[in-house]
N, C-alpha and C. Protein backbone atom coordinates (compact mmCIF):
# COMPACT_ATOMS: atom_id res chain seq x y z
N GLN A 1 -46.13 -33.45 158.69
CA GLN A 1 -47.22 -34.02 159.52
C GLN A 1 -47.38 -33.95 161.09
N VAL A 2 -48.09 -33.69 161.21
CA VAL A 2 -48.23 -33.45 162.95
C VAL A 2 -49.37 -34.58 163.53
N GLN A 3 -48.98 -35.28 164.70
CA GLN A 3 -49.70 -36.33 165.20
C GLN A 3 -50.01 -35.70 166.56
N LEU A 4 -51.15 -36.14 166.87
CA LEU A 4 -51.61 -35.37 168.24
C LEU A 4 -52.15 -36.82 168.93
N VAL A 5 -51.81 -36.97 170.48
CA VAL A 5 -52.48 -37.93 170.86
C VAL A 5 -53.04 -37.43 172.59
N GLU A 6 -54.39 -37.85 172.34
CA GLU A 6 -55.14 -36.83 173.79
C GLU A 6 -54.83 -38.14 174.65
N SER A 7 -55.43 -37.55 176.03
CA SER A 7 -55.44 -38.49 177.27
C SER A 7 -56.08 -37.62 178.33
N GLY A 8 -56.51 -38.34 179.41
CA GLY A 8 -57.20 -37.29 180.57
C GLY A 8 -58.70 -37.71 180.50
N GLY A 9 -59.17 -38.57 179.28
CA GLY A 9 -60.28 -38.42 179.64
C GLY A 9 -61.01 -39.93 180.76
N GLY A 10 -62.13 -40.03 180.96
CA GLY A 10 -62.99 -40.73 181.89
C GLY A 10 -64.16 -40.60 182.27
N LEU A 11 -64.36 -41.22 183.34
CA LEU A 11 -65.49 -41.32 184.26
C LEU A 11 -65.66 -40.24 185.12
N VAL A 12 -66.57 -39.61 185.27
CA VAL A 12 -66.51 -38.20 186.51
C VAL A 12 -67.89 -37.89 186.81
N GLN A 13 -68.17 -37.65 187.91
CA GLN A 13 -69.52 -37.29 188.91
C GLN A 13 -69.63 -35.83 188.54
N PRO A 14 -71.23 -35.66 188.19
CA PRO A 14 -71.44 -34.40 187.96
C PRO A 14 -70.65 -33.25 189.01
N GLY A 15 -70.28 -32.11 188.77
CA GLY A 15 -69.78 -31.20 189.92
C GLY A 15 -68.07 -31.33 189.91
N GLY A 16 -67.54 -32.67 189.15
CA GLY A 16 -66.39 -32.74 189.18
C GLY A 16 -65.15 -32.14 188.02
N SER A 17 -64.11 -32.17 187.86
CA SER A 17 -63.34 -31.83 187.21
C SER A 17 -62.11 -32.81 186.70
N LEU A 18 -61.89 -32.29 185.17
CA LEU A 18 -60.79 -33.00 184.40
C LEU A 18 -60.08 -32.11 184.08
N ARG A 19 -58.82 -32.48 183.45
CA ARG A 19 -57.61 -31.67 182.93
C ARG A 19 -57.46 -33.04 181.76
N LEU A 20 -58.02 -32.44 180.43
CA LEU A 20 -57.51 -33.36 178.96
C LEU A 20 -56.11 -32.74 178.47
N SER A 21 -55.57 -33.49 178.11
CA SER A 21 -54.30 -33.42 177.67
C SER A 21 -53.96 -33.66 176.00
N CYS A 22 -53.28 -32.89 175.48
CA CYS A 22 -52.82 -33.55 173.80
C CYS A 22 -51.39 -33.09 173.59
N ALA A 23 -50.63 -34.23 173.42
CA ALA A 23 -49.46 -33.92 172.83
C ALA A 23 -49.11 -34.30 171.64
N ALA A 24 -48.48 -33.10 171.28
CA ALA A 24 -48.17 -33.03 169.53
C ALA A 24 -47.09 -33.78 169.02
N SER A 25 -46.58 -34.24 168.18
CA SER A 25 -45.34 -34.51 167.70
C SER A 25 -45.48 -34.37 166.16
N GLY A 26 -43.68 -34.43 165.61
CA GLY A 26 -43.58 -34.40 164.20
C GLY A 26 -43.46 -32.89 163.96
N PHE A 27 -43.94 -32.26 163.21
CA PHE A 27 -43.64 -30.96 162.51
C PHE A 27 -44.33 -29.77 162.82
N THR A 28 -44.32 -30.00 164.72
CA THR A 28 -44.53 -29.15 165.81
C THR A 28 -44.41 -27.68 165.45
N SER A 29 -42.91 -27.16 164.57
CA SER A 29 -42.63 -25.95 164.72
C SER A 29 -43.94 -25.24 163.64
N SER A 30 -44.50 -26.01 162.90
CA SER A 30 -45.16 -25.48 161.94
C SER A 30 -46.61 -25.03 162.45
N ILE A 31 -46.84 -25.62 163.70
CA ILE A 31 -48.10 -25.28 164.15
C ILE A 31 -48.76 -23.90 164.67
N TYR A 32 -49.89 -23.24 163.87
CA TYR A 32 -50.13 -21.91 164.41
C TYR A 32 -51.29 -21.83 165.27
N ALA A 33 -51.97 -23.16 165.36
CA ALA A 33 -53.06 -23.04 166.70
C ALA A 33 -53.49 -24.56 166.74
N MET A 34 -54.06 -24.62 167.96
CA MET A 34 -54.52 -25.79 168.73
C MET A 34 -55.91 -25.43 169.32
N GLY A 35 -56.90 -26.45 169.36
CA GLY A 35 -57.86 -26.85 169.58
C GLY A 35 -58.55 -27.78 170.17
N TRP A 36 -59.55 -27.33 171.22
CA TRP A 36 -60.92 -28.80 171.54
C TRP A 36 -61.96 -28.39 170.63
N PHE A 37 -62.15 -30.11 170.17
CA PHE A 37 -63.52 -30.01 169.96
C PHE A 37 -64.19 -31.05 170.74
N ARG A 38 -65.78 -30.95 170.52
CA ARG A 38 -66.29 -32.43 171.31
C ARG A 38 -67.38 -32.92 170.43
N GLN A 39 -67.57 -34.08 170.76
CA GLN A 39 -68.63 -34.61 169.68
C GLN A 39 -69.54 -35.39 170.59
N ALA A 40 -70.61 -35.08 170.76
CA ALA A 40 -71.40 -36.14 171.49
C ALA A 40 -72.27 -36.92 170.60
N PRO A 41 -72.99 -38.22 171.28
CA PRO A 41 -73.78 -39.29 170.37
C PRO A 41 -74.81 -38.89 169.93
N GLY A 42 -74.70 -38.85 168.48
CA GLY A 42 -75.80 -38.20 167.32
C GLY A 42 -75.62 -36.81 166.93
N LYS A 43 -74.74 -36.20 167.53
CA LYS A 43 -74.64 -34.81 167.20
C LYS A 43 -73.25 -34.47 166.55
N GLN A 44 -73.31 -33.15 165.79
CA GLN A 44 -71.80 -32.96 165.20
C GLN A 44 -71.01 -32.52 166.13
N ARG A 45 -69.85 -32.73 165.71
CA ARG A 45 -68.65 -32.05 166.13
C ARG A 45 -68.33 -30.68 166.57
N ASP A 46 -68.33 -30.20 167.69
CA ASP A 46 -68.22 -28.67 167.87
C ASP A 46 -67.21 -28.30 168.33
N LEU A 47 -66.79 -26.68 168.54
CA LEU A 47 -65.35 -26.60 168.82
C LEU A 47 -65.84 -26.17 170.19
N VAL A 48 -64.84 -26.53 171.09
CA VAL A 48 -64.70 -25.87 172.65
C VAL A 48 -63.88 -24.57 172.87
N ALA A 49 -62.83 -24.83 172.51
CA ALA A 49 -61.68 -23.86 172.55
C ALA A 49 -60.56 -23.90 171.65
N GLU A 50 -59.79 -22.77 171.29
CA GLU A 50 -58.61 -23.05 170.64
C GLU A 50 -57.75 -21.89 171.29
N ILE A 51 -56.28 -22.10 171.09
CA ILE A 51 -54.93 -21.27 171.35
C ILE A 51 -54.23 -20.88 170.22
N THR A 52 -53.56 -20.15 169.96
CA THR A 52 -52.79 -19.62 169.06
C THR A 52 -51.41 -19.80 169.80
N THR A 53 -50.29 -19.54 168.50
CA THR A 53 -49.08 -20.09 168.94
C THR A 53 -48.77 -18.47 170.16
N GLY A 54 -49.43 -17.52 169.85
CA GLY A 54 -49.44 -16.32 170.24
C GLY A 54 -50.03 -16.44 171.83
N ASP A 55 -50.62 -17.10 172.11
CA ASP A 55 -51.42 -17.31 173.20
C ASP A 55 -52.52 -16.92 173.72
N SER A 56 -53.47 -16.34 172.09
CA SER A 56 -54.87 -15.77 172.02
C SER A 56 -55.64 -17.25 172.34
N THR A 57 -56.73 -17.16 172.84
CA THR A 57 -57.36 -18.11 173.11
C THR A 57 -59.16 -17.52 172.69
N HIS A 58 -59.72 -18.62 171.83
CA HIS A 58 -61.15 -18.22 171.74
C HIS A 58 -61.89 -19.78 172.32
N TYR A 59 -63.00 -19.15 172.91
CA TYR A 59 -63.97 -20.34 173.10
C TYR A 59 -65.39 -19.99 172.46
N ALA A 60 -65.78 -21.17 172.39
CA ALA A 60 -67.15 -21.17 172.00
C ALA A 60 -67.91 -20.53 172.99
N ASP A 61 -68.90 -19.67 172.66
CA ASP A 61 -69.83 -18.97 173.59
C ASP A 61 -70.45 -19.52 174.79
N SER A 62 -70.64 -20.76 174.57
CA SER A 62 -71.59 -21.64 175.68
C SER A 62 -70.61 -22.11 176.50
N LYS A 63 -69.14 -22.21 176.08
CA LYS A 63 -68.30 -22.91 176.76
C LYS A 63 -67.44 -22.03 177.61
N LYS A 64 -67.69 -20.59 177.83
CA LYS A 64 -67.13 -20.03 178.52
C LYS A 64 -67.10 -20.16 180.06
N GLY A 65 -66.11 -19.76 180.72
CA GLY A 65 -66.24 -19.96 182.35
C GLY A 65 -66.19 -21.44 182.96
N ARG A 66 -66.62 -22.50 182.27
CA ARG A 66 -66.16 -23.65 183.02
C ARG A 66 -64.85 -24.49 182.31
N PHE A 67 -64.48 -24.10 181.38
CA PHE A 67 -63.51 -24.42 180.26
C PHE A 67 -62.31 -23.66 180.14
N THR A 68 -61.05 -23.74 180.58
CA THR A 68 -59.72 -23.51 179.97
C THR A 68 -58.93 -23.97 179.14
N ILE A 69 -58.41 -23.52 178.17
CA ILE A 69 -57.73 -24.07 177.42
C ILE A 69 -55.92 -23.41 177.63
N SER A 70 -55.25 -23.84 177.67
CA SER A 70 -53.88 -23.92 177.99
C SER A 70 -52.77 -24.63 177.15
N ARG A 71 -51.57 -23.97 177.12
CA ARG A 71 -50.53 -24.92 176.34
C ARG A 71 -49.30 -24.63 176.98
N ASP A 72 -48.29 -25.80 176.87
CA ASP A 72 -47.03 -25.74 177.24
C ASP A 72 -46.20 -25.82 175.88
N ASN A 73 -45.51 -24.86 175.54
CA ASN A 73 -44.60 -24.90 174.31
C ASN A 73 -43.88 -25.87 174.45
N ALA A 74 -42.74 -26.03 175.66
CA ALA A 74 -41.89 -26.64 175.75
C ALA A 74 -41.99 -28.24 175.49
N LYS A 75 -43.42 -28.52 176.10
CA LYS A 75 -43.63 -29.66 176.00
C LYS A 75 -44.65 -30.10 174.64
N ASN A 76 -45.03 -29.38 174.00
CA ASN A 76 -45.72 -29.29 172.81
C ASN A 76 -47.44 -29.88 173.18
N THR A 77 -47.78 -29.51 173.95
CA THR A 77 -48.98 -29.80 174.56
C THR A 77 -49.98 -28.68 175.14
N VAL A 78 -51.15 -29.05 174.59
CA VAL A 78 -52.48 -28.18 174.82
C VAL A 78 -53.04 -29.11 176.02
N TYR A 79 -53.62 -28.10 176.82
CA TYR A 79 -55.00 -28.65 177.65
C TYR A 79 -55.77 -28.19 177.77
N LEU A 80 -56.69 -28.92 178.37
CA LEU A 80 -58.09 -28.11 178.39
C LEU A 80 -58.41 -28.66 179.91
N GLN A 81 -58.89 -28.03 180.90
CA GLN A 81 -59.41 -28.10 182.25
C GLN A 81 -60.78 -27.49 182.19
N ILE A 82 -61.59 -28.36 182.71
CA ILE A 82 -63.41 -28.49 182.88
C ILE A 82 -63.76 -28.61 184.04
N ASN A 83 -64.07 -27.49 184.38
CA ASN A 83 -64.71 -27.81 185.85
C ASN A 83 -66.34 -27.78 185.93
N ASN A 84 -66.78 -28.14 187.13
CA ASN A 84 -68.04 -28.41 187.51
C ASN A 84 -68.88 -28.90 186.39
N LEU A 85 -68.45 -30.17 185.78
CA LEU A 85 -68.65 -30.90 184.51
C LEU A 85 -70.23 -31.46 185.10
N GLU A 86 -71.12 -31.67 183.90
CA GLU A 86 -72.17 -31.67 183.60
C GLU A 86 -72.48 -32.78 182.88
N PRO A 87 -74.03 -33.62 182.93
CA PRO A 87 -73.78 -34.91 182.30
C PRO A 87 -73.84 -34.37 180.78
N GLU A 88 -74.24 -32.83 180.39
CA GLU A 88 -74.42 -32.47 178.64
C GLU A 88 -72.88 -32.69 178.22
N ASP A 89 -71.83 -32.61 179.28
CA ASP A 89 -70.55 -32.53 178.59
C ASP A 89 -70.15 -33.98 178.12
N THR A 90 -70.79 -34.67 178.41
CA THR A 90 -70.39 -36.30 177.92
C THR A 90 -70.41 -36.34 176.35
N ALA A 91 -69.07 -36.33 176.18
CA ALA A 91 -68.82 -36.67 174.55
C ALA A 91 -67.39 -37.16 174.29
N VAL A 92 -67.17 -37.51 173.07
CA VAL A 92 -65.97 -37.80 172.89
C VAL A 92 -65.04 -36.39 172.47
N TYR A 93 -63.76 -35.84 172.83
CA TYR A 93 -63.50 -34.55 173.10
C TYR A 93 -62.14 -34.87 172.11
N TYR A 94 -61.85 -34.11 170.84
CA TYR A 94 -60.82 -34.25 169.91
C TYR A 94 -59.94 -33.22 170.29
N CYS A 95 -58.68 -33.33 169.73
CA CYS A 95 -57.67 -32.37 169.66
C CYS A 95 -57.45 -32.21 168.28
N ASN A 96 -57.19 -30.76 167.98
CA ASN A 96 -57.19 -30.27 166.80
C ASN A 96 -55.92 -29.64 166.58
N ALA A 97 -55.04 -29.38 165.17
CA ALA A 97 -53.85 -28.51 165.31
C ALA A 97 -53.99 -28.11 164.01
N ARG A 98 -53.65 -27.14 163.71
CA ARG A 98 -53.76 -26.07 162.42
C ARG A 98 -52.54 -25.99 161.81
N TYR A 99 -51.64 -26.16 161.10
CA TYR A 99 -50.09 -26.10 160.56
C TYR A 99 -50.06 -25.99 159.17
N TYR A 100 -48.89 -25.27 158.93
CA TYR A 100 -48.53 -25.12 157.73
C TYR A 100 -47.56 -26.31 157.37
N ASN A 101 -47.70 -26.55 155.85
CA ASN A 101 -46.99 -27.95 155.39
C ASN A 101 -45.72 -26.83 154.66
N ILE A 102 -44.89 -28.03 154.52
CA ILE A 102 -43.73 -27.58 153.95
C ILE A 102 -43.72 -26.36 152.51
N LEU A 103 -45.10 -26.81 151.72
CA LEU A 103 -45.50 -25.72 150.88
C LEU A 103 -46.07 -24.43 151.44
N GLY A 104 -46.22 -24.58 152.60
CA GLY A 104 -46.59 -23.01 153.02
C GLY A 104 -48.28 -23.27 152.95
N SER A 105 -49.03 -24.23 152.79
CA SER A 105 -50.39 -24.41 152.63
C SER A 105 -50.72 -24.90 154.09
N THR A 106 -52.16 -24.59 154.44
CA THR A 106 -52.43 -24.89 155.73
C THR A 106 -53.01 -26.55 155.67
N ARG A 107 -52.59 -26.90 156.62
CA ARG A 107 -53.41 -28.54 156.88
C ARG A 107 -53.83 -28.44 158.42
N GLU A 108 -54.33 -29.62 158.73
CA GLU A 108 -55.01 -29.92 160.02
C GLU A 108 -55.04 -31.27 160.34
N SER A 109 -54.90 -31.54 161.78
CA SER A 109 -54.65 -32.97 161.98
C SER A 109 -55.54 -33.15 163.35
N TRP A 110 -55.89 -34.13 163.53
CA TRP A 110 -57.02 -34.86 164.41
C TRP A 110 -56.29 -35.69 165.42
N GLY A 111 -56.91 -35.73 166.48
CA GLY A 111 -56.39 -36.82 167.56
C GLY A 111 -57.38 -37.76 167.48
N GLN A 112 -57.25 -39.06 168.16
CA GLN A 112 -58.31 -40.09 168.18
C GLN A 112 -59.05 -39.75 168.92
N GLY A 113 -59.26 -38.48 169.82
CA GLY A 113 -60.06 -38.48 170.72
C GLY A 113 -59.81 -39.32 172.11
N THR A 114 -60.91 -38.53 173.03
CA THR A 114 -60.67 -39.25 174.34
C THR A 114 -62.05 -38.89 174.91
N GLN A 115 -62.87 -40.37 175.51
CA GLN A 115 -64.10 -40.22 176.29
C GLN A 115 -64.34 -39.71 177.50
N VAL A 116 -65.14 -38.55 177.50
CA VAL A 116 -65.64 -38.04 179.14
C VAL A 116 -66.78 -38.68 179.31
N THR A 117 -67.32 -39.04 180.13
CA THR A 117 -68.66 -39.22 180.67
C THR A 117 -69.07 -38.70 182.23
N VAL A 118 -70.00 -37.94 182.13
CA VAL A 118 -70.02 -37.26 183.48
C VAL A 118 -71.42 -38.35 183.79
N SER A 119 -71.24 -39.22 184.98
CA SER A 119 -72.55 -39.48 185.22
C SER A 119 -72.40 -39.73 187.07
N SER A 120 -73.42 -39.67 187.51
CA SER A 120 -73.44 -40.41 188.64
C SER A 120 -73.50 -41.92 189.04
């Protein structure tokens, strides 16, 4: 099992920046990819960015430029830097981890989410 805890959300003015953190615990050596998703009110949960253990990154097309995903393997933590925040970025941001269980099957875990609100 892998447990995830997000932090770093809050209320930010348009044009501001935030760095979200996601700390993983548990069976972290089995993680092969981690990512950030977001869900705005009344909308589906969408991928923002993901990063593999080999530091390969993938961004949703609309998220390139203002979003940067990174990881600190020593801390088992993934970060999402968001610059030039827009009101449309208001959402709950969820951390996701994909890993192999003891049987070699793929599993995924989700964090509880952190609220990001962009408003003046």
